[in-house]
Amino acid sequence: MGVDNVDASNSCVPPSHPLARQALPLPTPTRGEPLRLDGDGGRLSEGDGARAPLVMYGWNKLVVVREVAVAGGGSPSPPPVGPSGAPSTGGFVYRGHSAPVTACAFNPAGTYVASGDARGRLRVWAYDHEEHLPRLDVQLLAGPIRDISWDAEGRRIAATGDGMQSPECSKAVQWDTGVKCGDLAAHSRKKGSSVAFRPGRPM
C-alpha cells in the first residue's frame, strides 16, 4: 500500500506503512478546559530498552500517543518498536473519533485505551493490536466527557463530564459491554471535571 492510498477504515496508518518517522502534534490547551495527559502504558512502558515510555493526549479529533525520549548513558539500546511489534515511528495517531477528543486513558495493562469526545461518545480500542480494533463504542453522556478512569482490575470504566439536560454527569460501565455497573451522584450543576477509582476493593 502506497503513501497516497492509505486505508483509513481501521482508524490508523496500516502496519505495512512506509513511514520512517512522524511529526506528531503537540497538546493544545483551551482556556477554561482541562488538558488531560496519560502516561501509564503498563507493560508497554517498562523501560526494557525496546519500548519507550509513552504520553497520550487528545488533539482535535485525534488521540496522540507519543514516545518520550529518555536521556541516559551506558550502552546504546536497541531501536524501539511500536505497539504491534513493528519498527517505531516516534508515536501513534488514532483517528476513530468524529468529534474533538477530550479525554483518554490506558487500561492498567497498557493494552486498551478508553477515549471520550466532545459529543459524549466513549470508545475502547486495542492499543497493542496492529489494526487497533474497537472493542466498545457507546454514547455515554449527553455532553463532553471530561475525564476517564479505569479500575485496578481493568474491568470497569468511570467517566465524567457535562450532563447537559440529562440527570447524569458521571457513569461507571463495564469496559467491554458498556453496561452500567454503578450509580454516581450528580453534581449540582450536572458537570464533573475529574473522576477516579479507589485503587483497591471496595471500589
N, C-alpha and C. Protein backbone atom coordinates (compact mmCIF):
# COMPACT_ATOMS: atom_id res chain seq x y z
N MET A 1 0.85 -1.19 0.00
CA MET A 1 0.00 0.00 0.00
C MET A 1 0.88 1.23 0.00
N GLY A 2 0.65 2.13 -0.91
CA GLY A 2 1.49 3.30 -1.07
C GLY A 2 1.11 4.42 -0.12
N VAL A 3 1.88 5.48 -0.19
CA VAL A 3 1.65 6.62 0.68
C VAL A 3 0.37 7.35 0.30
N ASP A 4 0.03 7.36 -0.99
CA ASP A 4 -1.11 8.14 -1.47
C ASP A 4 -2.45 7.45 -1.27
N ASN A 5 -2.45 6.15 -1.03
CA ASN A 5 -3.73 5.45 -0.88
C ASN A 5 -3.78 4.71 0.45
N VAL A 6 -3.61 5.46 1.53
CA VAL A 6 -3.66 4.88 2.87
C VAL A 6 -5.10 4.52 3.21
N ASP A 7 -5.30 3.32 3.69
CA ASP A 7 -6.62 2.84 4.07
C ASP A 7 -6.96 3.38 5.45
N ALA A 8 -8.00 4.22 5.54
CA ALA A 8 -8.37 4.83 6.82
C ALA A 8 -9.49 4.07 7.52
N SER A 9 -9.87 2.89 7.01
CA SER A 9 -11.00 2.17 7.58
C SER A 9 -10.72 1.68 8.99
N ASN A 10 -9.45 1.46 9.32
CA ASN A 10 -9.11 0.95 10.64
C ASN A 10 -8.66 2.05 11.59
N SER A 11 -8.91 3.30 11.24
CA SER A 11 -8.64 4.45 12.10
C SER A 11 -7.17 4.63 12.43
N CYS A 12 -6.29 4.12 11.61
CA CYS A 12 -4.87 4.27 11.87
C CYS A 12 -4.10 4.05 10.58
N VAL A 13 -2.82 4.36 10.60
CA VAL A 13 -1.95 4.06 9.47
C VAL A 13 -1.71 2.55 9.45
N PRO A 14 -1.85 1.88 8.31
CA PRO A 14 -1.71 0.42 8.26
C PRO A 14 -0.34 -0.05 8.73
N PRO A 15 -0.25 -1.29 9.25
CA PRO A 15 1.03 -1.81 9.75
C PRO A 15 2.11 -1.86 8.67
N SER A 16 1.72 -1.99 7.41
CA SER A 16 2.69 -2.10 6.32
C SER A 16 3.10 -0.73 5.78
N HIS A 17 2.91 0.30 6.58
CA HIS A 17 3.18 1.66 6.12
C HIS A 17 4.66 1.85 5.81
N PRO A 18 4.97 2.77 4.88
CA PRO A 18 6.38 3.05 4.56
C PRO A 18 6.97 4.18 5.40
N LEU A 19 6.27 4.63 6.45
CA LEU A 19 6.75 5.76 7.24
C LEU A 19 7.99 5.38 8.04
N ALA A 20 8.90 6.32 8.16
CA ALA A 20 10.08 6.14 9.00
C ALA A 20 9.98 6.96 10.27
N ARG A 21 9.29 8.10 10.20
CA ARG A 21 9.13 8.98 11.36
C ARG A 21 7.89 9.84 11.17
N GLN A 22 7.22 10.20 12.25
CA GLN A 22 6.03 11.04 12.19
C GLN A 22 6.28 12.36 12.91
N ALA A 23 5.69 13.43 12.39
CA ALA A 23 5.70 14.72 13.08
C ALA A 23 4.36 14.85 13.79
N LEU A 24 4.35 14.55 15.09
CA LEU A 24 3.10 14.49 15.85
C LEU A 24 2.74 15.86 16.41
N PRO A 25 1.45 16.19 16.46
CA PRO A 25 1.06 17.49 17.03
C PRO A 25 1.28 17.52 18.54
N LEU A 26 1.56 18.70 19.05
CA LEU A 26 1.72 18.89 20.49
C LEU A 26 0.36 19.17 21.12
N PRO A 27 0.19 18.87 22.41
CA PRO A 27 -1.10 19.17 23.06
C PRO A 27 -1.39 20.66 23.04
N THR A 28 -2.63 21.00 22.75
CA THR A 28 -3.04 22.40 22.65
C THR A 28 -4.10 22.69 23.69
N PRO A 29 -3.77 23.45 24.73
CA PRO A 29 -4.78 23.75 25.77
C PRO A 29 -5.81 24.75 25.28
N THR A 30 -7.01 24.65 25.83
CA THR A 30 -8.09 25.59 25.57
C THR A 30 -8.43 26.28 26.88
N ARG A 31 -8.58 27.58 26.84
CA ARG A 31 -8.84 28.34 28.07
C ARG A 31 -10.13 27.85 28.72
N GLY A 32 -10.04 27.57 30.01
CA GLY A 32 -11.19 27.13 30.78
C GLY A 32 -11.50 25.65 30.65
N GLU A 33 -10.70 24.90 29.89
CA GLU A 33 -10.93 23.47 29.71
C GLU A 33 -9.73 22.69 30.24
N PRO A 34 -9.96 21.53 30.87
CA PRO A 34 -8.83 20.73 31.34
C PRO A 34 -8.09 20.07 30.18
N LEU A 35 -6.79 19.91 30.31
CA LEU A 35 -5.98 19.20 29.34
C LEU A 35 -5.49 17.92 30.00
N ARG A 36 -6.00 16.79 29.55
CA ARG A 36 -5.69 15.50 30.16
C ARG A 36 -4.50 14.84 29.48
N LEU A 37 -3.51 14.47 30.27
CA LEU A 37 -2.36 13.71 29.80
C LEU A 37 -2.35 12.38 30.53
N ASP A 38 -2.06 11.30 29.81
CA ASP A 38 -1.96 9.99 30.43
C ASP A 38 -0.65 9.37 29.98
N GLY A 39 0.08 8.81 30.91
CA GLY A 39 1.36 8.21 30.56
C GLY A 39 1.56 6.84 31.14
N ASP A 40 0.49 6.24 31.63
CA ASP A 40 0.59 4.93 32.25
C ASP A 40 0.39 3.87 31.19
N GLY A 41 1.49 3.46 30.56
CA GLY A 41 1.40 2.48 29.49
C GLY A 41 1.51 1.05 29.94
N GLY A 42 1.54 0.78 31.25
CA GLY A 42 1.61 -0.59 31.75
C GLY A 42 2.83 -1.31 31.22
N ARG A 43 2.64 -2.52 30.72
CA ARG A 43 3.77 -3.33 30.27
C ARG A 43 4.43 -2.77 29.03
N LEU A 44 3.78 -1.82 28.35
CA LEU A 44 4.39 -1.23 27.16
C LEU A 44 5.34 -0.10 27.52
N SER A 45 5.45 0.25 28.79
CA SER A 45 6.32 1.36 29.19
C SER A 45 7.23 0.97 30.36
N GLU A 46 7.70 -0.25 30.36
CA GLU A 46 8.50 -0.71 31.48
C GLU A 46 9.97 -0.35 31.36
N GLY A 47 10.35 0.36 30.30
CA GLY A 47 11.73 0.79 30.15
C GLY A 47 12.69 -0.35 29.92
N ASP A 48 12.27 -1.37 29.15
CA ASP A 48 13.15 -2.51 28.89
C ASP A 48 14.10 -2.24 27.73
N GLY A 49 14.11 -1.01 27.22
CA GLY A 49 15.00 -0.68 26.13
C GLY A 49 14.35 -0.80 24.77
N ALA A 50 13.43 -1.73 24.63
CA ALA A 50 12.78 -1.93 23.33
C ALA A 50 11.52 -1.09 23.19
N ARG A 51 10.90 -0.72 24.32
CA ARG A 51 9.68 0.06 24.27
C ARG A 51 9.88 1.35 25.07
N ALA A 52 9.71 2.46 24.39
CA ALA A 52 9.94 3.75 25.03
C ALA A 52 8.77 4.13 25.92
N PRO A 53 9.00 4.94 26.97
CA PRO A 53 7.89 5.47 27.77
C PRO A 53 6.94 6.29 26.89
N LEU A 54 5.68 6.34 27.29
CA LEU A 54 4.65 6.95 26.46
C LEU A 54 3.92 8.07 27.19
N VAL A 55 3.42 9.04 26.43
CA VAL A 55 2.49 10.03 26.94
C VAL A 55 1.36 10.13 25.90
N MET A 56 0.14 10.23 26.38
CA MET A 56 -1.02 10.21 25.49
C MET A 56 -1.92 11.40 25.78
N TYR A 57 -2.50 11.99 24.73
CA TYR A 57 -3.40 13.13 24.88
C TYR A 57 -4.28 13.25 23.65
N GLY A 58 -5.35 14.00 23.78
CA GLY A 58 -6.23 14.27 22.66
C GLY A 58 -5.83 15.55 21.95
N TRP A 59 -5.94 15.54 20.63
CA TRP A 59 -5.67 16.73 19.83
C TRP A 59 -6.68 16.77 18.70
N ASN A 60 -7.60 17.74 18.76
CA ASN A 60 -8.70 17.81 17.80
C ASN A 60 -9.44 16.47 17.81
N LYS A 61 -9.60 15.80 16.68
CA LYS A 61 -10.32 14.53 16.64
C LYS A 61 -9.38 13.33 16.75
N LEU A 62 -8.16 13.56 17.16
CA LEU A 62 -7.14 12.51 17.21
C LEU A 62 -6.77 12.17 18.65
N VAL A 63 -6.35 10.93 18.84
CA VAL A 63 -5.67 10.51 20.07
C VAL A 63 -4.21 10.32 19.71
N VAL A 64 -3.33 11.09 20.34
CA VAL A 64 -1.90 11.05 20.03
C VAL A 64 -1.17 10.32 21.15
N VAL A 65 -0.42 9.28 20.78
CA VAL A 65 0.43 8.56 21.73
C VAL A 65 1.87 8.83 21.30
N ARG A 66 2.59 9.54 22.13
CA ARG A 66 3.94 9.99 21.78
C ARG A 66 4.97 9.26 22.63
N GLU A 67 6.04 8.80 21.98
CA GLU A 67 7.15 8.19 22.71
C GLU A 67 8.01 9.28 23.33
N VAL A 68 8.43 9.05 24.56
CA VAL A 68 9.23 10.03 25.28
C VAL A 68 10.68 9.56 25.28
N ALA A 69 11.56 10.42 24.79
CA ALA A 69 12.99 10.08 24.77
C ALA A 69 13.55 10.21 26.18
N VAL A 70 14.24 9.17 26.62
CA VAL A 70 14.84 9.16 27.96
C VAL A 70 16.35 9.32 27.82
N ALA A 71 16.89 10.36 28.43
CA ALA A 71 18.33 10.61 28.36
C ALA A 71 19.04 9.72 29.37
N GLY A 72 20.13 9.14 28.95
CA GLY A 72 20.89 8.28 29.85
C GLY A 72 22.15 7.79 29.19
N GLY A 73 23.13 7.41 29.99
CA GLY A 73 24.38 6.92 29.45
C GLY A 73 24.36 5.42 29.31
N GLY A 74 25.54 4.86 29.15
CA GLY A 74 25.65 3.41 29.03
C GLY A 74 25.63 2.96 27.59
N SER A 75 25.45 1.65 27.41
CA SER A 75 25.45 1.07 26.07
C SER A 75 24.20 1.48 25.31
N PRO A 76 24.30 1.63 23.99
CA PRO A 76 23.12 2.01 23.22
C PRO A 76 22.05 0.95 23.27
N SER A 77 20.80 1.38 23.42
CA SER A 77 19.68 0.44 23.49
C SER A 77 19.22 0.10 22.09
N PRO A 78 18.55 -1.06 21.91
CA PRO A 78 18.04 -1.41 20.59
C PRO A 78 16.98 -0.42 20.14
N PRO A 79 16.77 -0.28 18.83
CA PRO A 79 15.75 0.66 18.35
C PRO A 79 14.38 0.28 18.88
N PRO A 80 13.58 1.27 19.31
CA PRO A 80 12.27 0.96 19.87
C PRO A 80 11.31 0.38 18.83
N VAL A 81 10.34 -0.37 19.32
CA VAL A 81 9.32 -0.95 18.45
C VAL A 81 7.98 -0.35 18.84
N GLY A 82 7.04 -0.36 17.89
CA GLY A 82 5.70 0.14 18.13
C GLY A 82 4.85 -0.84 18.90
N PRO A 83 3.57 -0.52 19.13
CA PRO A 83 2.71 -1.37 19.94
C PRO A 83 2.47 -2.76 19.35
N SER A 84 2.54 -2.90 18.02
CA SER A 84 2.29 -4.20 17.39
C SER A 84 3.57 -4.93 17.05
N GLY A 85 4.73 -4.39 17.47
CA GLY A 85 6.00 -5.05 17.21
C GLY A 85 6.72 -4.53 15.98
N ALA A 86 6.09 -3.66 15.20
CA ALA A 86 6.73 -3.07 14.02
C ALA A 86 7.71 -1.99 14.47
N PRO A 87 8.67 -1.62 13.60
CA PRO A 87 9.59 -0.54 13.97
C PRO A 87 8.85 0.74 14.33
N SER A 88 9.31 1.41 15.36
CA SER A 88 8.64 2.60 15.85
C SER A 88 8.84 3.79 14.90
N THR A 89 7.81 4.64 14.83
CA THR A 89 7.89 5.88 14.06
C THR A 89 7.85 7.10 14.98
N GLY A 90 8.10 6.90 16.26
CA GLY A 90 8.13 8.00 17.22
C GLY A 90 6.81 8.26 17.91
N GLY A 91 5.77 7.53 17.54
CA GLY A 91 4.46 7.72 18.16
C GLY A 91 3.37 7.09 17.32
N PHE A 92 2.14 7.39 17.70
CA PHE A 92 0.99 6.78 17.04
C PHE A 92 -0.17 7.75 17.10
N VAL A 93 -0.99 7.78 16.05
CA VAL A 93 -2.16 8.65 15.99
C VAL A 93 -3.39 7.79 15.70
N TYR A 94 -4.40 7.87 16.58
CA TYR A 94 -5.66 7.14 16.39
C TYR A 94 -6.70 8.12 15.87
N ARG A 95 -7.40 7.71 14.80
CA ARG A 95 -8.32 8.61 14.11
C ARG A 95 -9.77 8.13 14.17
N GLY A 96 -10.19 7.49 15.23
CA GLY A 96 -11.51 6.88 15.27
C GLY A 96 -12.66 7.76 15.71
N HIS A 97 -12.40 8.99 16.16
CA HIS A 97 -13.46 9.86 16.67
C HIS A 97 -13.94 10.83 15.60
N SER A 98 -15.22 11.18 15.68
CA SER A 98 -15.80 12.15 14.75
C SER A 98 -15.99 13.51 15.40
N ALA A 99 -15.58 13.65 16.66
CA ALA A 99 -15.65 14.92 17.39
C ALA A 99 -14.34 15.10 18.15
N PRO A 100 -14.01 16.32 18.59
CA PRO A 100 -12.76 16.54 19.31
C PRO A 100 -12.62 15.64 20.54
N VAL A 101 -11.45 15.03 20.69
CA VAL A 101 -11.18 14.14 21.81
C VAL A 101 -10.90 14.97 23.05
N THR A 102 -11.60 14.67 24.14
CA THR A 102 -11.47 15.45 25.37
C THR A 102 -10.82 14.69 26.51
N ALA A 103 -10.74 13.36 26.43
CA ALA A 103 -10.11 12.57 27.49
C ALA A 103 -9.71 11.21 26.93
N CYS A 104 -8.64 10.64 27.47
CA CYS A 104 -8.20 9.31 27.06
C CYS A 104 -7.35 8.71 28.17
N ALA A 105 -7.38 7.38 28.29
CA ALA A 105 -6.64 6.72 29.36
C ALA A 105 -6.32 5.28 28.98
N PHE A 106 -5.10 4.84 29.30
CA PHE A 106 -4.72 3.44 29.15
C PHE A 106 -5.38 2.60 30.24
N ASN A 107 -5.66 1.32 29.93
CA ASN A 107 -6.05 0.40 30.99
C ASN A 107 -4.80 0.01 31.77
N PRO A 108 -4.93 -0.63 32.94
CA PRO A 108 -3.75 -0.92 33.77
C PRO A 108 -2.69 -1.77 33.06
N ALA A 109 -3.10 -2.63 32.12
CA ALA A 109 -2.12 -3.47 31.42
C ALA A 109 -1.48 -2.76 30.23
N GLY A 110 -2.03 -1.63 29.82
CA GLY A 110 -1.48 -0.91 28.68
C GLY A 110 -1.88 -1.48 27.34
N THR A 111 -2.89 -2.34 27.30
CA THR A 111 -3.28 -3.00 26.06
C THR A 111 -4.49 -2.34 25.39
N TYR A 112 -5.32 -1.66 26.17
CA TYR A 112 -6.51 -0.98 25.63
C TYR A 112 -6.49 0.48 26.04
N VAL A 113 -7.14 1.30 25.23
CA VAL A 113 -7.30 2.72 25.52
C VAL A 113 -8.78 3.06 25.51
N ALA A 114 -9.23 3.80 26.50
CA ALA A 114 -10.58 4.36 26.51
C ALA A 114 -10.46 5.84 26.18
N SER A 115 -11.22 6.29 25.19
CA SER A 115 -11.16 7.71 24.80
C SER A 115 -12.57 8.25 24.65
N GLY A 116 -12.75 9.50 25.08
CA GLY A 116 -14.05 10.14 25.02
C GLY A 116 -13.95 11.44 24.25
N ASP A 117 -15.08 11.88 23.67
CA ASP A 117 -15.03 13.09 22.86
C ASP A 117 -16.05 14.12 23.31
N ALA A 118 -16.12 15.22 22.58
CA ALA A 118 -16.96 16.35 22.94
C ALA A 118 -18.44 16.08 22.78
N ARG A 119 -18.81 15.01 22.11
CA ARG A 119 -20.22 14.65 21.96
C ARG A 119 -20.66 13.60 22.96
N GLY A 120 -19.79 13.24 23.90
CA GLY A 120 -20.14 12.28 24.94
C GLY A 120 -19.99 10.84 24.52
N ARG A 121 -19.28 10.57 23.44
CA ARG A 121 -19.11 9.21 22.96
C ARG A 121 -17.84 8.61 23.55
N LEU A 122 -17.95 7.35 24.00
CA LEU A 122 -16.82 6.62 24.58
C LEU A 122 -16.43 5.48 23.65
N ARG A 123 -15.14 5.42 23.34
CA ARG A 123 -14.61 4.32 22.53
C ARG A 123 -13.51 3.61 23.31
N VAL A 124 -13.53 2.28 23.26
CA VAL A 124 -12.46 1.47 23.84
C VAL A 124 -11.83 0.69 22.69
N TRP A 125 -10.54 0.84 22.49
CA TRP A 125 -9.89 0.21 21.34
C TRP A 125 -8.56 -0.38 21.75
N ALA A 126 -8.13 -1.38 20.97
CA ALA A 126 -6.91 -2.12 21.27
C ALA A 126 -5.69 -1.31 20.87
N TYR A 127 -4.80 -1.08 21.82
CA TYR A 127 -3.57 -0.34 21.52
C TYR A 127 -2.49 -1.25 20.96
N ASP A 128 -2.39 -2.47 21.47
CA ASP A 128 -1.29 -3.35 21.08
C ASP A 128 -1.63 -4.26 19.91
N HIS A 129 -2.78 -4.05 19.27
CA HIS A 129 -3.14 -4.82 18.07
C HIS A 129 -2.79 -3.98 16.85
N GLU A 130 -2.29 -4.59 15.80
CA GLU A 130 -1.80 -3.83 14.65
C GLU A 130 -2.89 -3.03 13.94
N GLU A 131 -4.16 -3.46 14.07
CA GLU A 131 -5.25 -2.72 13.43
C GLU A 131 -6.02 -1.85 14.41
N HIS A 132 -5.68 -1.90 15.70
CA HIS A 132 -6.29 -1.07 16.74
C HIS A 132 -7.82 -1.14 16.68
N LEU A 133 -8.33 -2.35 16.72
CA LEU A 133 -9.76 -2.59 16.56
C LEU A 133 -10.54 -2.09 17.76
N PRO A 134 -11.74 -1.51 17.54
CA PRO A 134 -12.56 -1.04 18.66
C PRO A 134 -13.24 -2.20 19.37
N ARG A 135 -13.28 -2.11 20.70
CA ARG A 135 -13.97 -3.13 21.50
C ARG A 135 -15.33 -2.61 21.95
N LEU A 136 -15.44 -1.29 22.11
CA LEU A 136 -16.68 -0.68 22.60
C LEU A 136 -16.82 0.70 21.98
N ASP A 137 -18.05 1.04 21.58
CA ASP A 137 -18.34 2.37 21.03
C ASP A 137 -19.77 2.71 21.46
N VAL A 138 -19.91 3.54 22.48
CA VAL A 138 -21.23 3.85 23.04
C VAL A 138 -21.38 5.35 23.28
N GLN A 139 -22.64 5.79 23.25
CA GLN A 139 -22.96 7.16 23.65
C GLN A 139 -23.14 7.15 25.15
N LEU A 140 -22.17 7.74 25.88
CA LEU A 140 -22.17 7.61 27.33
C LEU A 140 -22.83 8.80 28.02
N LEU A 141 -22.49 10.01 27.60
CA LEU A 141 -23.04 11.22 28.22
C LEU A 141 -23.68 12.11 27.16
N ALA A 142 -24.50 13.04 27.62
CA ALA A 142 -25.16 13.96 26.69
C ALA A 142 -24.22 15.06 26.21
N GLY A 143 -23.20 15.38 27.02
CA GLY A 143 -22.23 16.42 26.68
C GLY A 143 -20.82 15.89 26.66
N PRO A 144 -19.84 16.77 26.63
CA PRO A 144 -18.44 16.35 26.55
C PRO A 144 -17.99 15.51 27.74
N ILE A 145 -17.18 14.50 27.48
CA ILE A 145 -16.55 13.70 28.53
C ILE A 145 -15.28 14.42 28.96
N ARG A 146 -15.15 14.71 30.25
CA ARG A 146 -14.01 15.48 30.76
C ARG A 146 -12.89 14.62 31.32
N ASP A 147 -13.23 13.46 31.85
CA ASP A 147 -12.20 12.61 32.45
C ASP A 147 -12.65 11.15 32.39
N ILE A 148 -11.67 10.25 32.29
CA ILE A 148 -11.91 8.81 32.21
C ILE A 148 -10.96 8.12 33.17
N SER A 149 -11.46 7.09 33.86
CA SER A 149 -10.62 6.33 34.79
C SER A 149 -10.95 4.84 34.68
N TRP A 150 -9.92 4.01 34.66
CA TRP A 150 -10.09 2.56 34.72
C TRP A 150 -9.95 2.10 36.18
N ASP A 151 -10.64 1.01 36.52
CA ASP A 151 -10.43 0.44 37.85
C ASP A 151 -9.14 -0.38 37.83
N ALA A 152 -8.68 -0.80 39.01
CA ALA A 152 -7.40 -1.50 39.12
C ALA A 152 -7.40 -2.84 38.42
N GLU A 153 -8.58 -3.43 38.19
CA GLU A 153 -8.67 -4.72 37.53
C GLU A 153 -8.81 -4.59 36.02
N GLY A 154 -9.02 -3.38 35.52
CA GLY A 154 -9.20 -3.18 34.09
C GLY A 154 -10.54 -3.67 33.57
N ARG A 155 -11.54 -3.77 34.44
CA ARG A 155 -12.84 -4.30 34.02
C ARG A 155 -13.94 -3.24 33.97
N ARG A 156 -13.71 -2.11 34.61
CA ARG A 156 -14.73 -1.06 34.68
C ARG A 156 -14.12 0.28 34.30
N ILE A 157 -14.97 1.12 33.72
CA ILE A 157 -14.54 2.46 33.33
C ILE A 157 -15.50 3.46 33.94
N ALA A 158 -14.96 4.49 34.56
CA ALA A 158 -15.77 5.60 35.04
C ALA A 158 -15.45 6.82 34.19
N ALA A 159 -16.50 7.55 33.83
CA ALA A 159 -16.32 8.76 33.02
C ALA A 159 -17.21 9.86 33.59
N THR A 160 -16.72 11.08 33.52
CA THR A 160 -17.50 12.22 33.97
C THR A 160 -17.36 13.35 32.97
N GLY A 161 -18.34 14.26 33.01
CA GLY A 161 -18.33 15.37 32.07
C GLY A 161 -19.55 16.25 32.24
N ASP A 162 -20.09 16.69 31.13
CA ASP A 162 -21.24 17.59 31.13
C ASP A 162 -22.50 16.79 30.86
N GLY A 163 -23.43 16.82 31.84
CA GLY A 163 -24.67 16.07 31.67
C GLY A 163 -25.71 16.78 30.82
N MET A 164 -25.48 18.07 30.53
CA MET A 164 -26.44 18.86 29.75
C MET A 164 -27.82 18.77 30.40
N GLN A 165 -28.84 18.33 29.67
CA GLN A 165 -30.20 18.19 30.22
C GLN A 165 -30.43 16.84 30.88
N SER A 166 -29.46 15.94 30.76
CA SER A 166 -29.59 14.61 31.36
C SER A 166 -29.36 14.69 32.86
N PRO A 167 -29.99 13.82 33.66
CA PRO A 167 -29.77 13.85 35.10
C PRO A 167 -28.41 13.31 35.53
N GLU A 168 -27.65 12.69 34.61
CA GLU A 168 -26.37 12.09 34.96
C GLU A 168 -25.21 12.82 34.28
N CYS A 169 -24.19 13.12 35.07
CA CYS A 169 -22.97 13.70 34.50
C CYS A 169 -21.79 12.75 34.67
N SER A 170 -21.99 11.63 35.34
CA SER A 170 -20.94 10.63 35.54
C SER A 170 -21.55 9.24 35.46
N LYS A 171 -20.80 8.30 34.90
CA LYS A 171 -21.26 6.92 34.79
C LYS A 171 -20.09 5.97 34.98
N ALA A 172 -20.41 4.77 35.50
CA ALA A 172 -19.45 3.67 35.58
C ALA A 172 -20.02 2.52 34.78
N VAL A 173 -19.24 1.99 33.83
CA VAL A 173 -19.73 0.95 32.93
C VAL A 173 -18.70 -0.17 32.82
N GLN A 174 -19.18 -1.35 32.36
CA GLN A 174 -18.28 -2.45 32.05
C GLN A 174 -17.47 -2.10 30.81
N TRP A 175 -16.19 -2.42 30.81
CA TRP A 175 -15.29 -1.96 29.76
C TRP A 175 -15.59 -2.56 28.39
N ASP A 176 -16.17 -3.77 28.34
CA ASP A 176 -16.36 -4.44 27.06
C ASP A 176 -17.80 -4.44 26.56
N THR A 177 -18.77 -4.17 27.44
CA THR A 177 -20.18 -4.19 27.02
C THR A 177 -20.85 -2.82 27.13
N GLY A 178 -20.31 -1.94 27.96
CA GLY A 178 -20.93 -0.64 28.17
C GLY A 178 -22.11 -0.67 29.11
N VAL A 179 -22.35 -1.83 29.75
CA VAL A 179 -23.47 -1.96 30.69
C VAL A 179 -23.15 -1.18 31.96
N LYS A 180 -24.11 -0.40 32.41
CA LYS A 180 -23.93 0.41 33.62
C LYS A 180 -23.74 -0.49 34.83
N CYS A 181 -22.72 -0.16 35.65
CA CYS A 181 -22.43 -1.02 36.80
C CYS A 181 -22.36 -0.24 38.11
N GLY A 182 -22.93 0.93 38.13
CA GLY A 182 -22.95 1.68 39.38
C GLY A 182 -23.51 3.07 39.19
N ASP A 183 -24.12 3.60 40.25
CA ASP A 183 -24.67 4.95 40.22
C ASP A 183 -23.68 5.92 40.84
N LEU A 184 -23.45 7.02 40.15
CA LEU A 184 -22.59 8.08 40.67
C LEU A 184 -23.45 9.32 40.87
N ALA A 185 -23.32 9.94 42.04
CA ALA A 185 -24.15 11.09 42.35
C ALA A 185 -23.81 12.26 41.43
N ALA A 186 -24.84 12.96 40.99
CA ALA A 186 -24.64 14.10 40.09
C ALA A 186 -24.25 15.35 40.89
N HIS A 187 -23.43 16.18 40.30
CA HIS A 187 -23.07 17.45 40.91
C HIS A 187 -24.22 18.44 40.73
N SER A 188 -24.19 19.52 41.49
CA SER A 188 -25.31 20.46 41.49
C SER A 188 -25.57 21.07 40.12
N ARG A 189 -24.51 21.29 39.34
CA ARG A 189 -24.68 21.88 38.02
C ARG A 189 -24.62 20.85 36.90
N LYS A 190 -24.70 19.59 37.25
CA LYS A 190 -24.66 18.49 36.28
C LYS A 190 -23.38 18.51 35.46
N LYS A 191 -22.28 18.87 36.12
CA LYS A 191 -20.99 18.88 35.46
C LYS A 191 -19.95 18.26 36.38
N GLY A 192 -19.07 17.47 35.80
CA GLY A 192 -17.95 16.90 36.55
C GLY A 192 -16.67 17.14 35.78
N SER A 193 -15.57 17.32 36.50
CA SER A 193 -14.30 17.58 35.82
C SER A 193 -13.25 16.51 36.08
N SER A 194 -13.46 15.66 37.09
CA SER A 194 -12.47 14.66 37.40
C SER A 194 -13.13 13.45 38.05
N VAL A 195 -12.60 12.25 37.75
CA VAL A 195 -13.15 11.02 38.32
C VAL A 195 -12.00 10.05 38.51
N ALA A 196 -12.10 9.21 39.56
CA ALA A 196 -11.04 8.22 39.82
C ALA A 196 -11.61 7.07 40.62
N PHE A 197 -11.10 5.88 40.37
CA PHE A 197 -11.46 4.71 41.16
C PHE A 197 -10.55 4.60 42.37
N ARG A 198 -11.07 4.06 43.46
CA ARG A 198 -10.23 3.70 44.59
C ARG A 198 -9.30 2.57 44.12
N PRO A 199 -8.01 2.59 44.50
CA PRO A 199 -7.07 1.61 43.96
C PRO A 199 -7.32 0.17 44.38
N GLY A 200 -8.17 -0.07 45.36
CA GLY A 200 -8.46 -1.43 45.79
C GLY A 200 -9.93 -1.60 46.14
N ARG A 201 -10.31 -2.81 46.48
CA ARG A 201 -11.70 -3.05 46.87
C ARG A 201 -11.90 -2.63 48.33
N PRO A 202 -13.11 -2.16 48.73
CA PRO A 202 -14.25 -1.87 47.86
C PRO A 202 -14.00 -0.62 47.01
N MET A 203 -14.53 -0.63 45.79
CA MET A 203 -14.33 0.46 44.87
C MET A 203 -15.31 1.58 45.09
